[in-house]
Amino acid sequence: MSKKNNNMSVFWAMVQRDLIAQWRDKWEFVFRVVMLPTVLIITYGYVLPKIGLLPSTFPTQMFAGMIGMSIIVTGIHGTAVPFTMDFNNMHEIEDRLQAPVSANLVAFAKMFVGIIEAFIGGLLVLPVSAIFMGSNVEFTITPERVLMLIPILILIALVSATLGLLVGTIVKPMQVAAMFPGFLMPLVFSGAIFFSWKSLSAVPIFQKLVLINPMVYANEALRYVLTPQIDSMAIGWSITGLVVSILVLGYFGFKRFHNMVTGN
């Protein structure tokens, strides 16, 4: 068997093992993925517009943001938590590093599972949106826009996995409980979920600060494709932001991963 084929066999074996483990906890996964989007959708996409505290157009404004948020938060959790648990508690990652493959392949296998979970997270939020926001959401889907959407979803999933890799090499198991309020909440509420980036022109300082948040580029790219009637960031800048986020987060994530592997 060639080295390339051996690497792929080991890679898929690692991925399949993690997916089987996740399947055993599938209902916990569904609950974790759906809970936050459901609460936000019911509150901001249904109740507040119904009682007149938000305009009836608000569900359309937040629709793309809900999908982007679900993909990124799910991908971060699906990559970061297994990393931090494997390194600090179960030490399973050490067994995988004994395989005759590069350390990078071990990291990619963990990230790939996170990417799969990220896509599932994005799909799960769609029926919730349809149930509670229904006819209040106006979005556009054409064959041309689907072709634009697919690479954008792939980029967003890669962003979530690289960010999950970085977080997973920083956060310790006892800090996982604090990850949501301390890290994910600021990421979510500054991530252009409920507003478009251009609408922040009224608060220019905040408009510039949120550009460090990769979720902004994800949601703006989705908003450009799914709800073109909303004035959003130019798609070229959104794609550039996603690519730069992948490169920067991936660089520091893999650097920290190698430092942990080598004990530096």
Protein backbone atom coordinates (compact mmCIF):
# COMPACT_ATOMS: atom_id res chain seq x y z
CA MET A 1 0.00 0.00 0.00
CA SER A 2 1.38 3.42 -0.94
CA LYS A 3 2.05 6.03 1.73
CA LYS A 4 -0.76 8.21 0.34
CA ASN A 5 -3.28 5.38 0.53
CA ASN A 6 -2.10 4.51 4.02
CA ASN A 7 -2.54 8.13 5.14
CA MET A 8 -6.07 8.21 3.75
CA SER A 9 -6.96 4.90 5.40
CA VAL A 10 -5.74 6.14 8.79
CA PHE A 11 -7.50 9.49 8.28
CA TRP A 12 -10.87 7.89 7.51
CA ALA A 13 -10.48 5.42 10.36
CA MET A 14 -10.02 8.33 12.79
CA VAL A 15 -12.98 10.21 11.31
CA GLN A 16 -15.26 7.16 11.41
CA ARG A 17 -14.35 6.45 15.02
CA ASP A 18 -15.23 10.00 16.07
CA LEU A 19 -18.48 9.98 14.08
CA ILE A 20 -19.53 6.67 15.68
CA ALA A 21 -18.81 8.16 19.11
CA GLN A 22 -20.88 11.23 18.23
CA TRP A 23 -23.73 9.06 16.94
CA ARG A 24 -24.03 7.45 20.35
CA ASP A 25 -24.75 10.93 21.78
CA LYS A 26 -26.83 12.13 18.84
CA TRP A 27 -29.72 13.50 20.87
CA GLU A 28 -27.40 15.46 23.13
CA PHE A 29 -25.81 16.82 19.96
CA VAL A 30 -29.18 17.84 18.47
CA PHE A 31 -30.23 19.52 21.72
CA ARG A 32 -26.93 21.41 22.00
CA VAL A 33 -27.01 22.55 18.39
CA VAL A 34 -30.67 23.55 18.21
CA MET A 35 -31.17 25.13 21.64
CA LEU A 36 -29.53 28.54 21.12
CA PRO A 37 -30.88 29.16 17.58
CA THR A 38 -34.37 28.08 18.70
CA VAL A 39 -34.41 30.51 21.61
CA LEU A 40 -33.17 33.37 19.42
CA ILE A 41 -35.55 32.54 16.57
CA ILE A 42 -38.60 32.29 18.83
CA THR A 43 -37.71 35.50 20.67
CA TYR A 44 -36.41 37.75 17.88
CA GLY A 45 -37.96 36.09 14.84
CA TYR A 46 -41.45 35.41 16.15
CA VAL A 47 -42.47 36.93 19.53
CA LEU A 48 -40.97 40.43 19.29
CA PRO A 49 -42.18 41.07 15.71
CA LYS A 50 -45.62 39.69 16.69
CA ILE A 51 -46.01 42.13 19.59
CA GLY A 52 -44.68 45.02 17.55
CA LEU A 53 -41.37 45.59 19.32
CA LEU A 54 -39.49 44.66 16.14
CA PRO A 55 -40.49 45.31 12.52
CA SER A 56 -42.06 42.48 10.54
CA THR A 57 -39.00 42.52 8.27
CA PHE A 58 -36.67 41.58 11.14
CA PRO A 59 -36.91 37.79 10.59
CA THR A 60 -35.53 38.30 7.08
CA GLN A 61 -32.72 40.40 8.56
CA MET A 62 -31.68 37.64 10.97
CA PHE A 63 -32.33 34.58 8.76
CA ALA A 64 -28.86 34.39 7.22
CA GLY A 65 -27.30 35.19 10.59
CA MET A 66 -29.00 32.23 12.24
CA ILE A 67 -27.56 29.84 9.66
CA GLY A 68 -24.07 31.32 9.86
CA MET A 69 -24.11 31.34 13.65
CA SER A 70 -25.27 27.72 13.83
CA ILE A 71 -22.52 26.55 11.46
CA ILE A 72 -19.73 28.41 13.24
CA VAL A 73 -20.78 27.70 16.85
CA THR A 74 -21.38 24.01 16.08
CA GLY A 75 -18.06 23.69 14.25
CA ILE A 76 -16.16 25.39 17.06
CA HIS A 77 -17.72 23.13 19.69
CA GLY A 78 -17.32 20.01 17.54
CA THR A 79 -13.60 20.67 17.09
CA ALA A 80 -12.55 22.45 20.28
CA VAL A 81 -14.15 20.26 22.95
CA PRO A 82 -12.78 16.91 21.61
CA PHE A 83 -9.33 18.50 21.29
CA THR A 84 -9.22 19.84 24.82
CA MET A 85 -10.66 16.63 26.30
CA ASP A 86 -8.28 14.39 24.35
CA PHE A 87 -5.22 16.42 25.27
CA ASN A 88 -6.00 17.02 28.93
CA ASN A 89 -8.28 14.23 30.17
CA MET A 90 -8.48 11.08 28.05
CA HIS A 91 -5.09 11.51 26.32
CA GLU A 92 -6.56 9.68 23.32
CA ILE A 93 -4.77 12.08 20.99
CA GLU A 94 -1.47 10.62 22.20
CA ASP A 95 -2.49 7.19 20.92
CA ARG A 96 -3.40 8.65 17.54
CA LEU A 97 -0.06 10.41 17.33
CA GLN A 98 1.60 6.99 17.51
CA ALA A 99 0.11 6.13 14.10
CA PRO A 100 2.57 6.25 11.17
CA VAL A 101 1.12 9.51 9.84
CA SER A 102 1.93 13.18 10.35
CA ALA A 103 0.58 15.10 13.34
CA ASN A 104 -1.18 17.41 10.89
CA LEU A 105 -3.30 14.52 9.63
CA VAL A 106 -4.42 13.79 13.20
CA ALA A 107 -5.48 17.43 13.58
CA PHE A 108 -7.22 17.44 10.18
CA ALA A 109 -9.23 14.34 11.17
CA LYS A 110 -10.54 16.12 14.27
CA MET A 111 -11.28 19.25 12.24
CA PHE A 112 -13.08 17.25 9.54
CA VAL A 113 -15.50 15.87 12.12
CA GLY A 114 -16.08 19.44 13.30
CA ILE A 115 -16.80 20.50 9.71
CA ILE A 116 -19.36 17.71 9.30
CA GLU A 117 -21.03 18.75 12.56
CA ALA A 118 -21.00 22.38 11.37
CA PHE A 119 -22.94 21.50 8.22
CA ILE A 120 -25.45 19.49 10.26
CA GLY A 121 -25.86 22.46 12.61
CA GLY A 122 -26.67 24.72 9.67
CA LEU A 123 -29.24 22.24 8.32
CA LEU A 124 -30.94 21.78 11.70
CA VAL A 125 -31.69 25.50 12.04
CA LEU A 126 -33.61 25.62 8.74
CA PRO A 127 -36.76 23.75 9.91
CA VAL A 128 -36.76 25.77 13.15
CA SER A 129 -36.67 28.98 11.08
CA ALA A 130 -39.43 27.69 8.80
CA ILE A 131 -41.69 26.78 11.74
CA PHE A 132 -41.40 29.98 13.74
CA MET A 133 -40.59 32.67 11.15
CA GLY A 134 -42.37 31.11 8.18
CA SER A 135 -43.86 33.62 5.75
CA ASN A 136 -42.10 36.51 7.50
CA VAL A 137 -38.81 35.42 5.93
CA GLU A 138 -38.13 36.52 2.36
CA PHE A 139 -35.09 34.85 0.86
CA THR A 140 -33.94 34.08 -2.67
CA ILE A 141 -32.82 30.67 -3.92
CA THR A 142 -31.98 30.15 -7.59
CA PRO A 143 -29.58 27.68 -9.26
CA GLU A 144 -27.05 30.49 -9.66
CA ARG A 145 -27.27 31.43 -5.99
CA VAL A 146 -26.96 27.78 -4.93
CA LEU A 147 -23.69 27.61 -6.87
CA MET A 148 -22.52 30.69 -4.96
CA LEU A 149 -23.77 29.31 -1.66
CA ILE A 150 -21.89 25.98 -1.73
CA PRO A 151 -18.31 27.40 -1.67
CA ILE A 152 -19.39 29.98 0.92
CA LEU A 153 -20.71 27.23 3.21
CA ILE A 154 -17.46 25.30 2.77
CA LEU A 155 -15.42 28.39 3.71
CA ILE A 156 -17.60 29.04 6.76
CA ALA A 157 -17.23 25.44 7.91
CA LEU A 158 -13.44 25.72 7.50
CA VAL A 159 -13.46 28.93 9.55
CA SER A 160 -15.37 27.16 12.32
CA ALA A 161 -12.95 24.21 12.32
CA THR A 162 -9.78 26.34 12.37
CA LEU A 163 -11.21 28.52 15.14
CA GLY A 164 -12.19 25.35 17.00
CA LEU A 165 -8.65 24.03 16.62
CA LEU A 166 -7.21 27.22 18.11
CA VAL A 167 -9.73 27.33 20.96
CA GLY A 168 -9.26 23.61 21.64
CA THR A 169 -5.52 24.09 22.14
CA ILE A 170 -6.09 27.01 24.53
CA VAL A 171 -9.08 26.04 26.67
CA LYS A 172 -8.62 23.53 29.48
CA PRO A 173 -11.39 21.04 30.39
CA MET A 174 -12.31 22.97 33.55
CA GLN A 175 -12.71 26.10 31.40
CA VAL A 176 -15.17 24.58 28.89
CA ALA A 177 -18.18 25.70 30.95
CA ALA A 178 -16.90 29.29 30.81
CA MET A 179 -16.28 29.12 27.05
CA PHE A 180 -19.87 29.97 26.13
CA PRO A 181 -20.37 33.15 28.21
CA GLY A 182 -16.75 34.22 27.98
CA PHE A 183 -16.03 33.53 24.32
CA LEU A 184 -19.02 32.39 22.28
CA MET A 185 -21.50 35.02 23.51
CA PRO A 186 -19.32 38.00 22.45
CA LEU A 187 -18.60 36.17 19.17
CA VAL A 188 -22.34 35.68 18.55
CA PHE A 189 -23.64 39.11 19.49
CA SER A 190 -20.97 41.00 17.55
CA GLY A 191 -21.24 38.67 14.56
CA ALA A 192 -23.76 40.57 12.40
CA ILE A 193 -26.57 38.13 13.16
CA PHE A 194 -29.32 40.66 13.88
CA PHE A 195 -27.92 43.48 11.78
CA SER A 196 -25.98 43.89 8.57
CA TRP A 197 -22.44 45.20 8.77
CA LYS A 198 -23.30 48.26 6.69
CA SER A 199 -26.06 49.26 9.12
CA LEU A 200 -23.34 49.79 11.73
CA SER A 201 -22.22 52.95 9.92
CA ALA A 202 -24.14 54.83 12.63
CA VAL A 203 -21.57 53.52 15.16
CA PRO A 204 -18.32 53.57 13.13
CA ILE A 205 -16.04 52.49 15.98
CA PHE A 206 -18.08 49.34 16.60
CA GLN A 207 -18.34 48.78 12.84
CA LYS A 208 -14.55 48.61 12.65
CA LEU A 209 -14.10 46.55 15.82
CA VAL A 210 -16.39 43.74 14.66
CA LEU A 211 -14.18 43.16 11.63
CA ILE A 212 -11.95 40.99 13.84
CA ASN A 213 -14.90 38.60 14.23
CA PRO A 214 -14.92 35.96 11.45
CA MET A 215 -18.65 35.41 12.00
CA VAL A 216 -19.27 38.85 10.49
CA TYR A 217 -17.84 37.75 7.13
CA ALA A 218 -19.77 34.47 7.28
CA ASN A 219 -23.12 36.10 7.94
CA GLU A 220 -22.56 38.91 5.47
CA ALA A 221 -21.68 36.43 2.72
CA LEU A 222 -24.82 34.41 3.46
CA ARG A 223 -26.89 37.58 3.62
CA TYR A 224 -25.56 38.64 0.21
CA VAL A 225 -26.62 35.32 -1.33
CA LEU A 226 -29.86 34.52 0.51
CA THR A 227 -31.34 37.97 1.14
CA PRO A 228 -29.92 40.26 -1.56
CA GLN A 229 -32.54 42.92 -0.79
CA ILE A 230 -30.59 43.72 2.39
CA ASP A 231 -27.62 46.03 1.94
CA SER A 232 -24.67 43.90 3.03
CA MET A 233 -20.88 43.85 2.79
CA ALA A 234 -19.56 43.41 -0.75
CA ILE A 235 -19.20 39.69 -1.43
CA GLY A 236 -15.55 40.10 -2.42
CA TRP A 237 -14.71 41.53 1.01
CA SER A 238 -16.73 38.83 2.77
CA ILE A 239 -14.90 36.05 0.91
CA THR A 240 -11.55 37.74 1.57
CA GLY A 241 -12.40 37.98 5.27
CA LEU A 242 -13.27 34.27 5.40
CA VAL A 243 -10.07 33.23 3.61
CA VAL A 244 -7.89 35.46 5.79
CA SER A 245 -9.63 34.11 8.91
CA ILE A 246 -8.91 30.52 7.82
CA LEU A 247 -5.24 31.31 7.16
CA VAL A 248 -4.66 33.26 10.38
CA LEU A 249 -6.64 30.97 12.68
CA GLY A 250 -5.20 27.88 10.99
CA TYR A 251 -1.63 29.15 11.37
CA PHE A 252 -1.93 29.85 15.10
CA GLY A 253 -4.10 26.77 15.70
CA PHE A 254 -1.62 24.37 14.10
CA LYS A 255 1.28 26.15 15.75
CA ARG A 256 -0.26 25.65 19.19
CA PHE A 257 -1.16 22.06 18.28
CA HIS A 258 2.45 21.25 17.36
CA ASN A 259 3.68 22.95 20.54
CA MET A 260 1.38 20.72 22.61
CA VAL A 261 2.41 17.62 20.67
CA THR A 262 6.13 18.33 21.17
CA GLY A 263 5.69 19.60 24.72
CA ASN A 264 7.08 23.06 23.97
